[in-house]
Structure formats: structure tokens, C-alpha cells
Amino acid sequence: MIITFKFNNMKRNWNRIVLLCLIYIIGAIGAFAQQITETNLLFEKEVERFNDTDNCSVRAIATMFDLPYSVAYYSLENFGRKKNAVNLKMFGMSHADLNRQTRRFNLQIDTYVYPKQVPYEIFYRDIKNDYMLYNYYVILEDHIYTLKGETNGYRLYGNYNEKSRKVLGYVRIYKK
């Protein structure tokens, strides 16, 4: 009986240790997991109102500078952005508006284009510790999204599948 009792106590303690380890691991993963804000949902009503589905540049400008969607939309429209148009010219226009917005908010920017597209993991590995210094306007072959530094890392403003796509380049915006 005594041996069984000790075995049961050991088993119970072992179960507690395993449970505590699992809780710790899950907590650690959660602490380092990148937050994602799905901007299609964030701006759902505005997208419907403007009837514009290829609007990643509008969503990126709006989230980067905390602007209302309509202000970002009309700002890019003033630079020649066409509704539902996805092409490199549009990215140039959104970059021109980005330059204008950074002057308006008195921010510094620099741009980098990779020699070839790189996986998101490589891009993120290079920038992950700079979240207190910079925000990023991330450029893919046919898409743009925003990474904004917060208290404990970057928050991605874009679509849920962004991390599975390759990065063409970025615009780094120095925070004040």
C-alpha cells in the first residue's frame, strides 16, 4: 500500500510538472507571436462604400498614419490611383503619397529593395528587434501592407496570409 501511495503521488506531481511546462511553452509562444490586424475587416464598411477591392495601398497608408480610410483613399486618388487597379505604377503613387505624408508628419524614411524576393521570415528576422524605432511599409510583388511597432513587437496590418508571401522590399519609417 505504501509503495502504491508513493507512486500515485509521484504520478500526480509528474502530471503537474508536465502541465506547468505546457502552460509555460504556450505562454512563451503567445508572447512572441506577431499580432495581425486584418485590414479587410477593419475597413470593411469603407471598402463596401467605395466599392474598391484592390485597395491595399489605401489600407497601408491609412493604418501607417492612423488616417481615416477616406482621407487615404482621396489622397492616393489625387496622385492618380485608379479604382481596383493593381500594378507597379500604383505602388509608385502610394510611395509618392507616403513621402508626402512623412513630410506632413515630419518623419524620415528610407527605402530598400532586395536583389531578389526573400521569404517573410528572413525579412522579419532582420527587423524584429527594431520595433521601438521603425514602422515598415512592406512591398510584395502585387501587394503592400504595414508593420507598426508596438510595446512588445510589431503588429501586422494587412491580410492573414502575408507571412506566407515573399517580400520584394520595404520603406522604413523612423518613429519620432
C-alpha atoms as a PDB file:
ATOM      1  CA  MET A   1       0.000   0.000   0.000  1.00  0.00           C
ATOM      2  CA  ILE A   2       2.731   2.441   0.891  1.00  0.00           C
ATOM      3  CA  ILE A   3       4.516   1.856  -2.420  1.00  0.00           C
ATOM      4  CA  THR A   4       1.294   2.441  -4.368  1.00  0.00           C
ATOM      5  CA  PHE A   5       0.681   5.653  -2.421  1.00  0.00           C
ATOM      6  CA  LYS A   6       4.146   7.000  -3.225  1.00  0.00           C
ATOM      7  CA  PHE A   7       3.750   6.011  -6.857  1.00  0.00           C
ATOM      8  CA  ASN A   8       0.419   7.852  -7.087  1.00  0.00           C
ATOM      9  CA  ASN A   9       1.978  10.963  -5.508  1.00  0.00           C
ATOM     10  CA  MET A  10       4.854  10.819  -7.977  1.00  0.00           C
ATOM     11  CA  LYS A  11       2.439  10.387 -10.857  1.00  0.00           C
ATOM     12  CA  ARG A  12       0.331  13.323  -9.670  1.00  0.00           C
ATOM     13  CA  ASN A  13       3.427  15.528  -9.283  1.00  0.00           C
ATOM     14  CA  TRP A  14       4.733  14.461 -12.686  1.00  0.00           C
ATOM     15  CA  ASN A  15       1.387  15.402 -14.271  1.00  0.00           C
ATOM     16  CA  ARG A  16       1.600  18.826 -12.590  1.00  0.00           C
ATOM     17  CA  ILE A  17       5.147  19.374 -13.839  1.00  0.00           C
ATOM     18  CA  VAL A  18       4.161  18.447 -17.401  1.00  0.00           C
ATOM     19  CA  LEU A  19       1.112  20.728 -17.205  1.00  0.00           C
ATOM     20  CA  LEU A  20       3.197  23.644 -15.908  1.00  0.00           C
ATOM     21  CA  CYS A  21       5.743  23.115 -18.687  1.00  0.00           C
ATOM     22  CA  LEU A  22       2.998  23.128 -21.317  1.00  0.00           C
ATOM     23  CA  ILE A  23       1.481  26.307 -19.880  1.00  0.00           C
ATOM     24  CA  TYR A  24       4.911  27.955 -19.899  1.00  0.00           C
ATOM     25  CA  ILE A  25       5.601  26.935 -23.516  1.00  0.00           C
ATOM     26  CA  ILE A  26       2.190  28.110 -24.725  1.00  0.00           C
ATOM     27  CA  GLY A  27       2.652  31.403 -22.876  1.00  0.00           C
ATOM     28  CA  ALA A  28       6.093  31.914 -24.390  1.00  0.00           C
ATOM     29  CA  ILE A  29       4.793  31.221 -27.887  1.00  0.00           C
ATOM     30  CA  GLY A  30       1.899  33.624 -27.338  1.00  0.00           C
ATOM     31  CA  ALA A  31       4.211  36.349 -26.069  1.00  0.00           C
ATOM     32  CA  PHE A  32       6.366  36.198 -29.204  1.00  0.00           C
ATOM     33  CA  ALA A  33       3.584  35.625 -31.719  1.00  0.00           C
ATOM     34  CA  GLN A  34       3.104  38.559 -34.032  1.00  0.00           C
ATOM     35  CA  GLN A  35      -0.213  40.315 -33.810  1.00  0.00           C
ATOM     36  CA  ILE A  36      -2.217  40.662 -37.039  1.00  0.00           C
ATOM     37  CA  THR A  37      -4.979  43.144 -37.758  1.00  0.00           C
ATOM     38  CA  GLU A  38      -6.963  42.056 -40.797  1.00  0.00           C
ATOM     39  CA  THR A  39      -7.458  45.367 -42.611  1.00  0.00           C
ATOM     40  CA  ASN A  40     -10.136  43.960 -44.929  1.00  0.00           C
ATOM     41  CA  LEU A  41     -12.259  43.558 -41.797  1.00  0.00           C
ATOM     42  CA  LEU A  42     -11.031  46.782 -40.189  1.00  0.00           C
ATOM     43  CA  PHE A  43     -12.135  48.834 -43.212  1.00  0.00           C
ATOM     44  CA  GLU A  44     -14.983  46.576 -44.337  1.00  0.00           C
ATOM     45  CA  LYS A  45     -17.658  49.294 -44.411  1.00  0.00           C
ATOM     46  CA  GLU A  46     -15.418  51.792 -46.200  1.00  0.00           C
ATOM     47  CA  VAL A  47     -14.355  49.253 -48.818  1.00  0.00           C
ATOM     48  CA  GLU A  48     -18.009  48.485 -49.472  1.00  0.00           C
ATOM     49  CA  ARG A  49     -18.900  52.190 -49.623  1.00  0.00           C
ATOM     50  CA  PHE A  50     -16.105  52.975 -52.108  1.00  0.00           C
ATOM     51  CA  ASN A  51     -16.680  49.682 -53.988  1.00  0.00           C
ATOM     52  CA  ASP A  52     -12.926  49.165 -54.294  1.00  0.00           C
ATOM     53  CA  THR A  53     -11.441  45.741 -53.593  1.00  0.00           C
ATOM     54  CA  ASP A  54      -7.816  46.167 -54.731  1.00  0.00           C
ATOM     55  CA  ASN A  55      -7.109  48.767 -52.088  1.00  0.00           C
ATOM     56  CA  CYS A  56      -4.059  47.524 -50.204  1.00  0.00           C
ATOM     57  CA  SER A  57      -2.207  50.806 -50.757  1.00  0.00           C
ATOM     58  CA  VAL A  58      -5.129  52.757 -49.284  1.00  0.00           C
ATOM     59  CA  ARG A  59      -5.290  50.452 -46.263  1.00  0.00           C
ATOM     60  CA  ALA A  60      -1.497  50.655 -45.808  1.00  0.00           C
ATOM     61  CA  ILE A  61      -1.454  54.475 -45.852  1.00  0.00           C
ATOM     62  CA  ALA A  62      -4.490  54.658 -43.552  1.00  0.00           C
ATOM     63  CA  THR A  63      -3.009  52.284 -40.978  1.00  0.00           C
ATOM     64  CA  MET A  64       0.522  53.682 -41.149  1.00  0.00           C
ATOM     65  CA  PHE A  65      -0.584  57.224 -40.360  1.00  0.00           C
ATOM     66  CA  ASP A  66      -3.785  56.462 -38.413  1.00  0.00           C
ATOM     67  CA  LEU A  67      -5.817  58.256 -41.060  1.00  0.00           C
ATOM     68  CA  PRO A  68      -9.468  57.659 -41.874  1.00  0.00           C
ATOM     69  CA  TYR A  69      -9.840  55.377 -44.882  1.00  0.00           C
ATOM     70  CA  SER A  70     -11.499  58.129 -46.929  1.00  0.00           C
ATOM     71  CA  VAL A  71      -8.571  60.533 -46.383  1.00  0.00           C
ATOM     72  CA  ALA A  72      -6.065  57.891 -47.545  1.00  0.00           C
ATOM     73  CA  TYR A  73      -8.321  56.968 -50.468  1.00  0.00           C
ATOM     74  CA  TYR A  74      -8.696  60.519 -51.770  1.00  0.00           C
ATOM     75  CA  SER A  75      -5.049  61.286 -51.097  1.00  0.00           C
ATOM     76  CA  LEU A  76      -3.950  58.406 -53.336  1.00  0.00           C
ATOM     77  CA  GLU A  77      -6.619  59.317 -55.868  1.00  0.00           C
ATOM     78  CA  ASN A  78      -5.015  62.780 -56.092  1.00  0.00           C
ATOM     79  CA  PHE A  79      -1.766  61.022 -57.072  1.00  0.00           C
ATOM     80  CA  GLY A  80      -3.576  59.216 -59.888  1.00  0.00           C
ATOM     81  CA  ARG A  81      -4.575  55.935 -58.241  1.00  0.00           C
ATOM     82  CA  LYS A  82      -7.311  54.181 -60.191  1.00  0.00           C
ATOM     83  CA  LYS A  83     -10.043  52.161 -58.532  1.00  0.00           C
ATOM     84  CA  ASN A  84      -9.455  48.378 -58.469  1.00  0.00           C
ATOM     85  CA  ALA A  85      -6.062  48.701 -60.165  1.00  0.00           C
ATOM     86  CA  VAL A  86      -3.092  46.677 -59.003  1.00  0.00           C
ATOM     87  CA  ASN A  87       0.195  47.482 -60.735  1.00  0.00           C
ATOM     88  CA  LEU A  88       3.652  48.870 -60.060  1.00  0.00           C
ATOM     89  CA  LYS A  89       2.560  52.369 -61.105  1.00  0.00           C
ATOM     90  CA  MET A  90       0.037  52.298 -58.245  1.00  0.00           C
ATOM     91  CA  PHE A  91       2.807  51.370 -55.811  1.00  0.00           C
ATOM     92  CA  GLY A  92       4.813  54.340 -57.075  1.00  0.00           C
ATOM     93  CA  MET A  93       1.823  56.603 -56.455  1.00  0.00           C
ATOM     94  CA  SER A  94       1.317  55.249 -52.958  1.00  0.00           C
ATOM     95  CA  HIS A  95       5.044  55.743 -52.343  1.00  0.00           C
ATOM     96  CA  ALA A  96       4.703  59.368 -53.509  1.00  0.00           C
ATOM     97  CA  ASP A  97       1.818  59.829 -51.061  1.00  0.00           C
ATOM     98  CA  LEU A  98       3.892  58.118 -48.386  1.00  0.00           C
ATOM     99  CA  ASN A  99       6.613  60.711 -48.985  1.00  0.00           C
ATOM    100  CA  ARG A 100       4.037  63.492 -48.728  1.00  0.00           C
ATOM    101  CA  GLN A 101       2.593  62.077 -45.509  1.00  0.00           C
ATOM    102  CA  THR A 102       6.052  61.680 -43.962  1.00  0.00           C
ATOM    103  CA  ARG A 103       6.806  65.342 -44.733  1.00  0.00           C
ATOM    104  CA  ARG A 104       3.435  66.291 -43.253  1.00  0.00           C
ATOM    105  CA  PHE A 105       4.215  64.398 -40.043  1.00  0.00           C
ATOM    106  CA  ASN A 106       7.921  65.392 -40.169  1.00  0.00           C
ATOM    107  CA  LEU A 107       9.217  61.806 -40.377  1.00  0.00           C
ATOM    108  CA  GLN A 108      12.316  60.323 -42.001  1.00  0.00           C
ATOM    109  CA  ILE A 109      12.115  57.365 -44.365  1.00  0.00           C
ATOM    110  CA  ASP A 110      14.444  55.153 -46.313  1.00  0.00           C
ATOM    111  CA  THR A 111      13.691  52.520 -48.927  1.00  0.00           C
ATOM    112  CA  TYR A 112      15.283  49.160 -49.592  1.00  0.00           C
ATOM    113  CA  VAL A 113      14.647  46.740 -52.447  1.00  0.00           C
ATOM    114  CA  TYR A 114      16.040  43.224 -52.124  1.00  0.00           C
ATOM    115  CA  PRO A 115      18.117  41.906 -55.058  1.00  0.00           C
ATOM    116  CA  LYS A 116      15.582  39.070 -55.190  1.00  0.00           C
ATOM    117  CA  GLN A 117      12.411  38.384 -53.247  1.00  0.00           C
ATOM    118  CA  VAL A 118      13.011  36.955 -49.781  1.00  0.00           C
ATOM    119  CA  PRO A 119      10.761  34.899 -47.507  1.00  0.00           C
ATOM    120  CA  TYR A 120       8.941  36.868 -44.815  1.00  0.00           C
ATOM    121  CA  GLU A 121      10.913  35.017 -42.114  1.00  0.00           C
ATOM    122  CA  ILE A 122      14.221  36.433 -43.392  1.00  0.00           C
ATOM    123  CA  PHE A 123      12.830  39.959 -43.652  1.00  0.00           C
ATOM    124  CA  TYR A 124      11.268  39.750 -40.176  1.00  0.00           C
ATOM    125  CA  ARG A 125      14.423  38.257 -38.634  1.00  0.00           C
ATOM    126  CA  ASP A 126      16.361  41.319 -39.807  1.00  0.00           C
ATOM    127  CA  ILE A 127      13.916  43.872 -38.354  1.00  0.00           C
ATOM    128  CA  LYS A 128      12.246  42.173 -35.389  1.00  0.00           C
ATOM    129  CA  ASN A 129      14.263  43.957 -32.686  1.00  0.00           C
ATOM    130  CA  ASP A 130      13.729  47.460 -34.117  1.00  0.00           C
ATOM    131  CA  TYR A 131      10.037  47.801 -33.246  1.00  0.00           C
ATOM    132  CA  MET A 132      10.607  50.762 -30.947  1.00  0.00           C
ATOM    133  CA  LEU A 133      12.458  52.676 -33.702  1.00  0.00           C
ATOM    134  CA  TYR A 134      10.691  51.980 -37.001  1.00  0.00           C
ATOM    135  CA  ASN A 135       7.461  51.206 -38.779  1.00  0.00           C
ATOM    136  CA  TYR A 136       7.529  49.455 -42.157  1.00  0.00           C
ATOM    137  CA  TYR A 137       5.604  49.720 -45.378  1.00  0.00           C
ATOM    138  CA  VAL A 138       6.241  46.226 -46.805  1.00  0.00           C
ATOM    139  CA  ILE A 139       6.188  45.758 -50.586  1.00  0.00           C
ATOM    140  CA  LEU A 140       5.355  42.450 -52.256  1.00  0.00           C
ATOM    141  CA  GLU A 141       5.158  41.776 -55.982  1.00  0.00           C
ATOM    142  CA  ASP A 142       1.485  42.764 -56.156  1.00  0.00           C
ATOM    143  CA  HIS A 143       0.637  43.945 -52.667  1.00  0.00           C
ATOM    144  CA  ILE A 144       1.545  46.342 -49.852  1.00  0.00           C
ATOM    145  CA  TYR A 145       0.963  46.122 -46.112  1.00  0.00           C
ATOM    146  CA  THR A 146       2.083  47.820 -42.912  1.00  0.00           C
ATOM    147  CA  LEU A 147       4.117  46.698 -39.894  1.00  0.00           C
ATOM    148  CA  LYS A 148       3.824  49.044 -36.923  1.00  0.00           C
ATOM    149  CA  GLY A 149       5.999  48.750 -33.855  1.00  0.00           C
ATOM    150  CA  GLU A 150       4.141  48.453 -30.572  1.00  0.00           C
ATOM    151  CA  THR A 151       5.194  47.919 -26.971  1.00  0.00           C
ATOM    152  CA  ASN A 152       6.232  44.277 -27.364  1.00  0.00           C
ATOM    153  CA  GLY A 153       6.824  43.818 -31.090  1.00  0.00           C
ATOM    154  CA  TYR A 154       5.335  44.521 -34.485  1.00  0.00           C
ATOM    155  CA  ARG A 155       1.667  44.426 -35.406  1.00  0.00           C
ATOM    156  CA  LEU A 156       0.971  43.462 -39.000  1.00  0.00           C
ATOM    157  CA  TYR A 157      -1.815  45.441 -40.701  1.00  0.00           C
ATOM    158  CA  GLY A 158      -2.832  43.519 -43.792  1.00  0.00           C
ATOM    159  CA  ASN A 159      -4.166  40.075 -44.616  1.00  0.00           C
ATOM    160  CA  TYR A 160      -3.725  36.857 -42.642  1.00  0.00           C
ATOM    161  CA  ASN A 161      -1.654  35.253 -45.416  1.00  0.00           C
ATOM    162  CA  GLU A 162       1.061  37.959 -45.515  1.00  0.00           C
ATOM    163  CA  LYS A 163       3.643  35.846 -43.697  1.00  0.00           C
ATOM    164  CA  SER A 164       3.476  33.163 -46.391  1.00  0.00           C
ATOM    165  CA  ARG A 165       4.425  35.602 -49.181  1.00  0.00           C
ATOM    166  CA  LYS A 166       7.844  36.791 -50.312  1.00  0.00           C
ATOM    167  CA  VAL A 167       8.998  40.345 -49.671  1.00  0.00           C
ATOM    168  CA  LEU A 168      10.273  42.461 -52.559  1.00  0.00           C
ATOM    169  CA  GLY A 169      11.326  45.468 -50.484  1.00  0.00           C
ATOM    170  CA  TYR A 170      10.258  47.908 -47.820  1.00  0.00           C
ATOM    171  CA  VAL A 171      10.055  51.506 -46.783  1.00  0.00           C
ATOM    172  CA  ARG A 172      11.330  52.041 -43.245  1.00  0.00           C
ATOM    173  CA  ILE A 173       9.805  54.957 -41.392  1.00  0.00           C
ATOM    174  CA  TYR A 174      11.659  56.325 -38.409  1.00  0.00           C
ATOM    175  CA  LYS A 175       9.395  56.939 -35.443  1.00  0.00           C
ATOM    176  CA  LYS A 176       9.584  60.234 -33.618  1.00  0.00           C
END
